[in-house]
Amino acid sequence: MNVTHMLRTVTAGILCALLVGGCQSPPPTQAGNEQAAAALAAEARARVDAAKASVAGGVPVSSPPVQSGKFVILIPCSQASEGCAQPVKGAAEAAREIGWRTQIIDGKDTASTQNAAIRQAIALKPDGIITFAINPSSVQGALAEARNQGIPVVASSATASNMVAFSDNPTPEAWRQSGSLLADYAISETRGQVKALVLHDTGFDVLDNRHAGFVEQLQTCSTCQILEDQTFTFSDLANSVPRLVQQMAQRHPDFNTIYIDYDYAVPTLLQGLRSVNAQDKIVLGSDGTSAAIKLIRDSGGQTATTAFALDWLGWSSVDALNRVFAGGDPQEAAGAISVKLIDHEVAQGISGLWTGDMDFRDGYRTMWGAES
């Protein structure tokens, strides 16, 4: 081979490398990223499939004797929100099973109206109070008055607090799982290529665990991205959230996934997406409301939700309060609540709310020795 031919060969090789990044196989880093993404997506899919499976257990096997003849007041964060109101219905139903009398007082969304609701309850001299999705930290004054009157309070769907008799129901782990499973769903659906917009409501302390579960699970995926993570509060839903979603979508037109903490907020999120014609996105919420399940079932804009069986949550809250009355450990009541992932496939078999896949009511009746 003469020198001229050798130079031509070397020059051609250099040009090939510069212009097309190599003339044969893709760079090792690209191939490695693709393999890692595929492996992560497969692991995420396995967790998603497990969370879609039928729930076969969860009711505690034993409890203290039923403390009879109690009068209990039930206070939802807002009767307008199914995620707050439906557990109250379940709690009222469970209380009837064991002969308790109940009364519902609406918390009406705000800390001031929730404080007023608890004070109204105290004036009625109940044996106990159960609140639903109300931060103990936002109603400290009213809770102090209840404690001074010797009225135990169970704060359902609230973080741990020494201001109440019990508040870890569902458990922090269940809240985190309700977020991490949504991240797993997005990872599996995009084959490890999530580009997410995230909206987090800072007004409910328990949602911090759900939001953290979603964000931290996505961060385990090296090929996934959180493009933007914004905050809002419940009072922002009607006006600010649609505009915020519109602005986020315009800033990141390549996003493929959008997460918001709870299903009740999804319609306003969809309003924002429609305003910029952002179609065919993965839309994720949580709580498993009947409206969300219908949207998922009918391909109406929401893609998936993670659900607590809301009536079951009410029954387990009554179980927790009975344990408090009896001087037992209310934590034993909280492990009953499982997390279900509901996508289009699962939603086809659900009419209305997801009710837990098993006859949990009969399980509680048996545990309490109540007649069915």
Protein backbone atom coordinates (compact mmCIF):
# COMPACT_ATOMS: atom_id res chain seq x y z
CA MET A 1 0.00 0.00 0.00
CA ASN A 2 1.48 3.37 -1.00
CA VAL A 3 1.48 6.41 1.28
CA THR A 4 -1.28 8.21 -0.64
CA HIS A 5 -3.67 5.26 -0.34
CA MET A 6 -2.89 4.95 3.38
CA LEU A 7 -3.67 8.64 3.99
CA ARG A 8 -6.99 8.33 2.12
CA THR A 9 -8.00 5.36 4.26
CA VAL A 10 -7.17 7.09 7.54
CA THR A 11 -8.91 10.32 6.46
CA ALA A 12 -12.07 8.42 5.52
CA GLY A 13 -12.12 6.73 8.92
CA ILE A 14 -11.75 10.05 10.73
CA LEU A 15 -14.54 11.65 8.69
CA CYS A 16 -16.84 8.71 9.37
CA ALA A 17 -16.26 9.03 13.10
CA LEU A 18 -16.76 12.81 13.11
CA LEU A 19 -19.83 12.96 10.88
CA VAL A 20 -21.94 10.03 12.05
CA GLY A 21 -20.49 9.11 15.41
CA GLY A 22 -18.94 5.87 14.13
CA CYS A 23 -19.77 3.66 11.16
CA GLN A 24 -20.79 0.53 13.06
CA SER A 25 -22.46 -0.04 16.48
CA PRO A 26 -23.85 2.78 18.70
CA PRO A 27 -21.59 4.17 21.41
CA PRO A 28 -21.39 1.98 24.53
CA THR A 29 -22.96 4.74 26.68
CA GLN A 30 -26.06 4.90 24.48
CA ALA A 31 -26.47 1.14 24.43
CA GLY A 32 -25.93 1.03 28.18
CA ASN A 33 -28.58 3.69 28.78
CA GLU A 34 -31.08 1.81 26.64
CA GLN A 35 -30.41 -1.43 28.50
CA ALA A 36 -30.70 0.30 31.88
CA ALA A 37 -33.98 1.96 30.86
CA ALA A 38 -35.38 -1.36 29.64
CA ALA A 39 -34.42 -3.07 32.90
CA LEU A 40 -35.96 -0.29 35.01
CA ALA A 41 -39.13 -0.39 32.93
CA ALA A 42 -39.41 -4.15 33.41
CA GLU A 43 -38.99 -3.84 37.19
CA ALA A 44 -41.54 -1.02 37.30
CA ARG A 45 -44.00 -3.07 35.26
CA ALA A 46 -43.71 -5.96 37.73
CA ARG A 47 -44.58 -3.63 40.63
CA VAL A 48 -47.46 -2.13 38.67
CA ASP A 49 -48.87 -5.56 37.84
CA ALA A 50 -48.70 -6.55 41.52
CA ALA A 51 -50.53 -3.35 42.52
CA LYS A 52 -53.27 -4.03 39.94
CA ALA A 53 -53.95 -7.50 41.33
CA SER A 54 -56.92 -8.28 43.55
CA VAL A 55 -56.58 -7.33 47.23
CA ALA A 56 -57.32 -10.47 49.24
CA GLY A 57 -56.84 -9.40 52.87
CA GLY A 58 -56.13 -6.64 55.33
CA VAL A 59 -58.80 -6.61 58.06
CA PRO A 60 -57.19 -7.11 61.50
CA VAL A 61 -57.93 -10.50 63.00
CA SER A 62 -58.67 -9.30 66.53
CA SER A 63 -59.63 -6.21 68.48
CA PRO A 64 -60.58 -5.16 72.01
CA PRO A 65 -64.26 -5.62 72.87
CA VAL A 66 -66.55 -3.07 71.26
CA GLN A 67 -67.04 -0.12 73.57
CA SER A 68 -70.80 0.23 73.37
CA GLY A 69 -73.12 3.21 73.41
CA LYS A 70 -70.70 5.83 72.10
CA PHE A 71 -71.60 9.12 70.43
CA VAL A 72 -69.02 10.11 67.80
CA ILE A 73 -68.81 13.17 65.55
CA LEU A 74 -67.32 12.83 62.07
CA ILE A 75 -65.70 15.87 60.43
CA PRO A 76 -64.54 15.67 56.78
CA CYS A 77 -62.14 18.26 55.38
CA SER A 78 -64.92 19.10 52.91
CA GLN A 79 -68.17 17.37 52.06
CA ALA A 80 -67.67 18.64 48.48
CA SER A 81 -64.64 16.35 48.01
CA GLU A 82 -65.40 12.65 47.65
CA GLY A 83 -61.94 11.79 48.97
CA CYS A 84 -62.97 13.41 52.29
CA ALA A 85 -66.70 12.69 52.30
CA GLN A 86 -66.72 9.01 51.31
CA PRO A 87 -64.65 7.78 54.29
CA VAL A 88 -67.14 9.62 56.52
CA LYS A 89 -69.95 7.59 54.96
CA GLY A 90 -67.98 4.42 55.64
CA ALA A 91 -67.32 5.45 59.24
CA ALA A 92 -71.01 6.21 59.83
CA GLU A 93 -71.90 2.81 58.43
CA ALA A 94 -69.32 1.04 60.61
CA ALA A 95 -70.48 2.93 63.70
CA ARG A 96 -74.07 1.77 63.14
CA GLU A 97 -72.84 -1.82 63.03
CA ILE A 98 -71.58 -1.56 66.61
CA GLY A 99 -74.37 0.57 67.98
CA TRP A 100 -72.69 3.96 68.01
CA ARG A 101 -74.53 7.19 67.27
CA THR A 102 -72.85 9.61 64.84
CA GLN A 103 -73.24 13.14 63.57
CA ILE A 104 -71.46 14.74 60.60
CA ILE A 105 -70.19 18.34 60.67
CA ASP A 106 -68.70 19.68 57.42
CA GLY A 107 -65.15 21.09 57.71
CA LYS A 108 -65.79 23.26 54.60
CA ASP A 109 -62.26 23.41 53.18
CA THR A 110 -60.46 25.98 55.33
CA ALA A 111 -58.56 25.84 58.61
CA SER A 112 -60.87 28.43 60.18
CA THR A 113 -64.06 26.52 59.28
CA GLN A 114 -62.45 23.25 60.41
CA ASN A 115 -61.51 24.78 63.77
CA ALA A 116 -65.10 25.98 64.07
CA ALA A 117 -66.42 22.50 63.20
CA ILE A 118 -64.34 20.88 65.94
CA ARG A 119 -65.49 23.48 68.47
CA GLN A 120 -69.09 22.88 67.41
CA ALA A 121 -68.49 19.15 67.95
CA ILE A 122 -67.02 19.76 71.42
CA ALA A 123 -70.13 21.71 72.42
CA LEU A 124 -72.21 18.61 71.64
CA LYS A 125 -70.19 16.62 74.23
CA PRO A 126 -69.38 13.54 72.13
CA ASP A 127 -67.40 10.57 73.39
CA GLY A 128 -64.98 10.99 70.49
CA ILE A 129 -64.29 12.81 67.23
CA ILE A 130 -62.89 11.52 63.93
CA THR A 131 -61.57 14.06 61.42
CA PHE A 132 -60.78 13.21 57.81
CA ALA A 133 -57.91 14.84 55.85
CA ILE A 134 -57.57 17.75 58.30
CA ASN A 135 -54.03 18.67 59.39
CA PRO A 136 -53.79 18.63 63.20
CA SER A 137 -51.27 21.47 62.91
CA SER A 138 -53.91 23.71 61.30
CA VAL A 139 -56.53 23.16 64.05
CA GLN A 140 -54.32 23.19 67.13
CA GLY A 141 -56.55 25.52 69.12
CA ALA A 142 -59.67 23.39 68.73
CA LEU A 143 -57.75 20.17 69.38
CA ALA A 144 -56.36 21.60 72.62
CA GLU A 145 -59.94 22.35 73.72
CA ALA A 146 -60.99 18.77 72.90
CA ARG A 147 -58.07 17.38 74.88
CA ASN A 148 -58.95 19.61 77.84
CA GLN A 149 -62.50 18.24 77.71
CA GLY A 150 -61.18 14.65 77.64
CA ILE A 151 -62.54 14.00 74.15
CA PRO A 152 -60.21 11.75 72.10
CA VAL A 153 -59.69 12.69 68.46
CA VAL A 154 -58.66 10.29 65.69
CA ALA A 155 -57.32 12.25 62.72
CA SER A 156 -57.77 9.99 59.69
CA SER A 157 -55.61 10.75 56.63
CA ALA A 158 -53.26 12.96 58.64
CA THR A 159 -49.63 12.80 59.64
CA ALA A 160 -48.47 11.68 63.08
CA SER A 161 -49.23 14.26 65.77
CA ASN A 162 -49.16 14.35 69.57
CA MET A 163 -52.16 16.69 69.46
CA VAL A 164 -54.54 13.78 68.77
CA ALA A 165 -55.06 10.25 70.06
CA PHE A 166 -54.08 8.73 66.70
CA SER A 167 -53.43 9.91 63.16
CA ASP A 168 -51.29 7.46 61.14
CA ASN A 169 -54.10 5.94 59.05
CA PRO A 170 -53.26 5.23 56.25
CA THR A 171 -49.65 4.69 57.24
CA PRO A 172 -46.85 6.93 55.89
CA GLU A 173 -45.61 3.93 53.90
CA ALA A 174 -49.01 3.59 52.20
CA TRP A 175 -48.98 7.28 51.26
CA ARG A 176 -45.49 6.95 49.77
CA GLN A 177 -46.52 3.84 47.86
CA SER A 178 -49.50 5.71 46.41
CA GLY A 179 -46.98 8.07 44.80
CA SER A 180 -44.18 5.67 43.92
CA LEU A 181 -46.55 3.33 42.07
CA LEU A 182 -47.63 6.20 39.83
CA ALA A 183 -43.96 6.81 39.00
CA ASP A 184 -43.58 3.09 38.26
CA TYR A 185 -46.59 3.28 35.95
CA ALA A 186 -45.08 6.19 34.01
CA ILE A 187 -41.68 4.47 33.81
CA SER A 188 -43.23 1.27 32.45
CA GLU A 189 -45.49 3.06 29.97
CA THR A 190 -42.67 5.21 28.54
CA ARG A 191 -40.04 2.44 28.66
CA GLY A 192 -37.97 4.49 31.05
CA GLN A 193 -38.23 7.79 29.18
CA VAL A 194 -40.47 9.84 31.50
CA LYS A 195 -40.53 13.62 31.03
CA ALA A 196 -42.75 14.75 33.87
CA LEU A 197 -44.51 17.86 35.08
CA VAL A 198 -45.39 17.67 38.80
CA LEU A 199 -47.95 19.62 40.87
CA HIS A 200 -47.97 19.30 44.66
CA ASP A 201 -50.58 20.65 47.10
CA THR A 202 -48.77 21.99 50.16
CA GLY A 203 -51.99 22.39 52.16
CA PHE A 204 -52.28 18.73 53.27
CA ASP A 205 -49.31 17.40 55.23
CA VAL A 206 -49.99 13.76 54.32
CA LEU A 207 -49.55 14.58 50.64
CA ASP A 208 -45.87 15.31 51.25
CA ASN A 209 -45.27 11.55 51.45
CA ARG A 210 -47.22 10.87 48.25
CA HIS A 211 -45.37 13.61 46.35
CA ALA A 212 -42.01 12.42 47.73
CA GLY A 213 -42.83 8.84 46.73
CA PHE A 214 -43.49 9.91 43.14
CA VAL A 215 -40.44 12.18 42.83
CA GLU A 216 -37.97 9.83 44.52
CA GLN A 217 -39.10 6.84 42.50
CA LEU A 218 -38.62 8.78 39.27
CA GLN A 219 -35.16 9.78 40.44
CA THR A 220 -34.15 6.10 40.49
CA CYS A 221 -34.61 6.18 36.70
CA SER A 222 -31.47 7.73 35.18
CA THR A 223 -33.18 8.17 31.80
CA CYS A 224 -36.24 9.94 33.27
CA GLN A 225 -36.65 13.66 33.93
CA ILE A 226 -38.76 15.90 36.13
CA LEU A 227 -39.01 18.96 33.94
CA GLU A 228 -40.78 21.14 36.51
CA ASP A 229 -42.22 20.70 40.02
CA GLN A 230 -44.71 23.36 41.15
CA THR A 231 -46.86 23.83 44.27
CA PHE A 232 -50.45 24.97 44.82
CA THR A 233 -53.16 24.83 47.49
CA PHE A 234 -56.76 23.66 47.48
CA SER A 235 -58.04 27.24 47.13
CA ASP A 236 -56.07 27.59 43.87
CA LEU A 237 -57.93 24.82 42.04
CA ALA A 238 -60.61 26.83 40.28
CA ASN A 239 -58.47 29.58 38.80
CA SER A 240 -54.74 29.30 39.40
CA VAL A 241 -54.17 25.60 38.64
CA PRO A 242 -55.50 25.62 35.03
CA ARG A 243 -53.31 28.64 34.27
CA LEU A 244 -50.28 27.07 35.99
CA VAL A 245 -50.71 23.84 34.01
CA GLN A 246 -51.01 25.82 30.78
CA GLN A 247 -47.79 27.72 31.52
CA MET A 248 -45.87 24.57 32.49
CA ALA A 249 -46.99 22.78 29.32
CA GLN A 250 -45.94 25.74 27.19
CA ARG A 251 -42.52 25.87 28.83
CA HIS A 252 -41.97 22.13 28.28
CA PRO A 253 -43.81 21.08 25.11
CA ASP A 254 -41.93 17.75 25.05
CA PHE A 255 -43.41 16.52 28.37
CA ASN A 256 -45.17 13.15 28.24
CA THR A 257 -46.40 12.77 31.86
CA ILE A 258 -48.16 15.05 34.33
CA TYR A 259 -48.79 14.24 38.01
CA ILE A 260 -51.03 15.97 40.54
CA ASP A 261 -51.49 14.84 44.16
CA TYR A 262 -55.18 13.89 44.12
CA ASP A 263 -58.00 13.04 41.74
CA TYR A 264 -60.26 15.91 42.78
CA ALA A 265 -57.75 18.29 41.12
CA VAL A 266 -57.54 16.40 37.82
CA PRO A 267 -60.48 18.12 36.04
CA THR A 268 -58.84 21.53 36.53
CA LEU A 269 -55.55 20.08 35.32
CA LEU A 270 -57.25 18.74 32.20
CA GLN A 271 -58.76 22.18 31.64
CA GLY A 272 -55.26 23.63 31.52
CA LEU A 273 -54.03 20.92 29.14
CA ARG A 274 -56.95 21.43 26.76
CA SER A 275 -56.23 25.15 26.56
CA VAL A 276 -52.86 24.38 24.90
CA ASN A 277 -54.07 21.29 23.01
CA ALA A 278 -51.75 19.01 24.99
CA GLN A 279 -53.19 15.62 24.04
CA ASP A 280 -52.05 12.03 24.50
CA LYS A 281 -50.22 12.63 27.78
CA ILE A 282 -50.01 10.32 30.78
CA VAL A 283 -52.20 12.04 33.41
CA LEU A 284 -51.83 10.76 36.97
CA GLY A 285 -53.83 11.45 40.13
CA SER A 286 -54.55 9.56 43.33
CA ASP A 287 -57.33 8.62 45.78
CA GLY A 288 -59.48 6.52 43.44
CA THR A 289 -62.58 8.71 43.35
CA SER A 290 -65.55 7.55 41.28
CA ALA A 291 -65.10 10.51 38.90
CA ALA A 292 -61.46 9.60 38.33
CA ILE A 293 -62.25 5.93 37.70
CA LYS A 294 -64.91 6.95 35.17
CA LEU A 295 -62.43 9.24 33.38
CA ILE A 296 -59.92 6.40 33.22
CA ARG A 297 -62.51 3.82 32.13
CA ASP A 298 -63.92 6.10 29.41
CA SER A 299 -60.52 7.41 28.20
CA GLY A 300 -61.64 10.86 29.32
CA GLY A 301 -58.21 12.33 29.99
CA GLN A 302 -56.93 10.69 33.17
CA THR A 303 -54.66 7.69 32.65
CA ALA A 304 -54.25 6.11 36.08
CA THR A 305 -54.86 6.59 39.79
CA THR A 306 -53.75 4.93 42.98
CA ALA A 307 -56.64 4.21 45.30
CA PHE A 308 -57.40 3.63 48.93
CA ALA A 309 -60.79 1.92 49.36
CA LEU A 310 -62.46 5.02 50.81
CA ASP A 311 -65.32 3.30 52.67
CA TRP A 312 -62.82 0.83 54.10
CA LEU A 313 -60.79 3.79 55.39
CA GLY A 314 -63.89 4.90 57.31
CA TRP A 315 -64.34 1.46 58.85
CA SER A 316 -60.69 1.27 59.88
CA SER A 317 -60.97 4.74 61.48
CA VAL A 318 -63.86 3.51 63.63
CA ASP A 319 -61.75 0.47 64.51
CA ALA A 320 -58.92 2.81 65.57
CA LEU A 321 -61.24 4.90 67.77
CA ASN A 322 -62.69 1.79 69.41
CA ARG A 323 -59.14 0.71 70.27
CA VAL A 324 -58.51 4.16 71.76
CA PHE A 325 -61.69 3.90 73.86
CA ALA A 326 -60.57 0.46 75.05
CA GLY A 327 -57.03 1.59 75.92
CA GLY A 328 -55.54 -0.52 73.11
CA ASP A 329 -53.05 0.26 70.34
CA PRO A 330 -54.81 2.05 67.46
CA GLN A 331 -51.84 1.40 65.17
CA GLU A 332 -53.15 -2.12 64.69
CA ALA A 333 -56.12 -0.64 62.82
CA ALA A 334 -54.01 1.25 60.28
CA GLY A 335 -52.34 -1.66 58.51
CA ALA A 336 -55.64 -2.63 56.91
CA ILE A 337 -55.47 -0.05 54.13
CA SER A 338 -53.93 -1.27 50.84
CA VAL A 339 -53.01 0.70 47.72
CA LYS A 340 -54.52 -0.30 44.37
CA LEU A 341 -53.31 0.94 40.99
CA ILE A 342 -56.18 1.53 38.58
CA ASP A 343 -55.53 2.04 34.89
CA HIS A 344 -57.81 1.63 31.87
CA GLU A 345 -57.68 -2.17 32.08
CA VAL A 346 -58.56 -2.35 35.78
CA ALA A 347 -61.19 0.39 35.53
CA GLN A 348 -63.27 -1.70 33.11
CA GLY A 349 -64.24 -3.92 36.02
CA ILE A 350 -65.16 -1.11 38.44
CA SER A 351 -68.48 0.71 38.57
CA GLY A 352 -68.31 3.75 40.83
CA LEU A 353 -65.71 3.48 43.59
CA TRP A 354 -63.16 0.74 44.10
CA THR A 355 -64.43 -1.03 47.20
CA GLY A 356 -61.44 -3.16 48.13
CA ASP A 357 -61.86 -6.43 46.13
CA MET A 358 -63.06 -8.30 49.23
CA ASP A 359 -65.91 -8.19 51.74
CA PHE A 360 -64.03 -6.12 54.31
CA ARG A 361 -67.31 -5.25 56.04
CA ASP A 362 -67.93 -8.87 56.92
CA GLY A 363 -64.35 -9.11 58.18
CA TYR A 364 -64.94 -6.25 60.62
CA ARG A 365 -68.31 -7.66 61.70
CA THR A 366 -66.64 -10.96 62.48
CA MET A 367 -63.79 -9.29 64.36
CA TRP A 368 -66.22 -7.16 66.40
CA GLY A 369 -68.75 -9.95 66.92
CA ALA A 370 -71.44 -7.80 65.29
CA GLU A 371 -74.40 -9.34 63.48
CA SER A 372 -74.46 -8.95 59.70
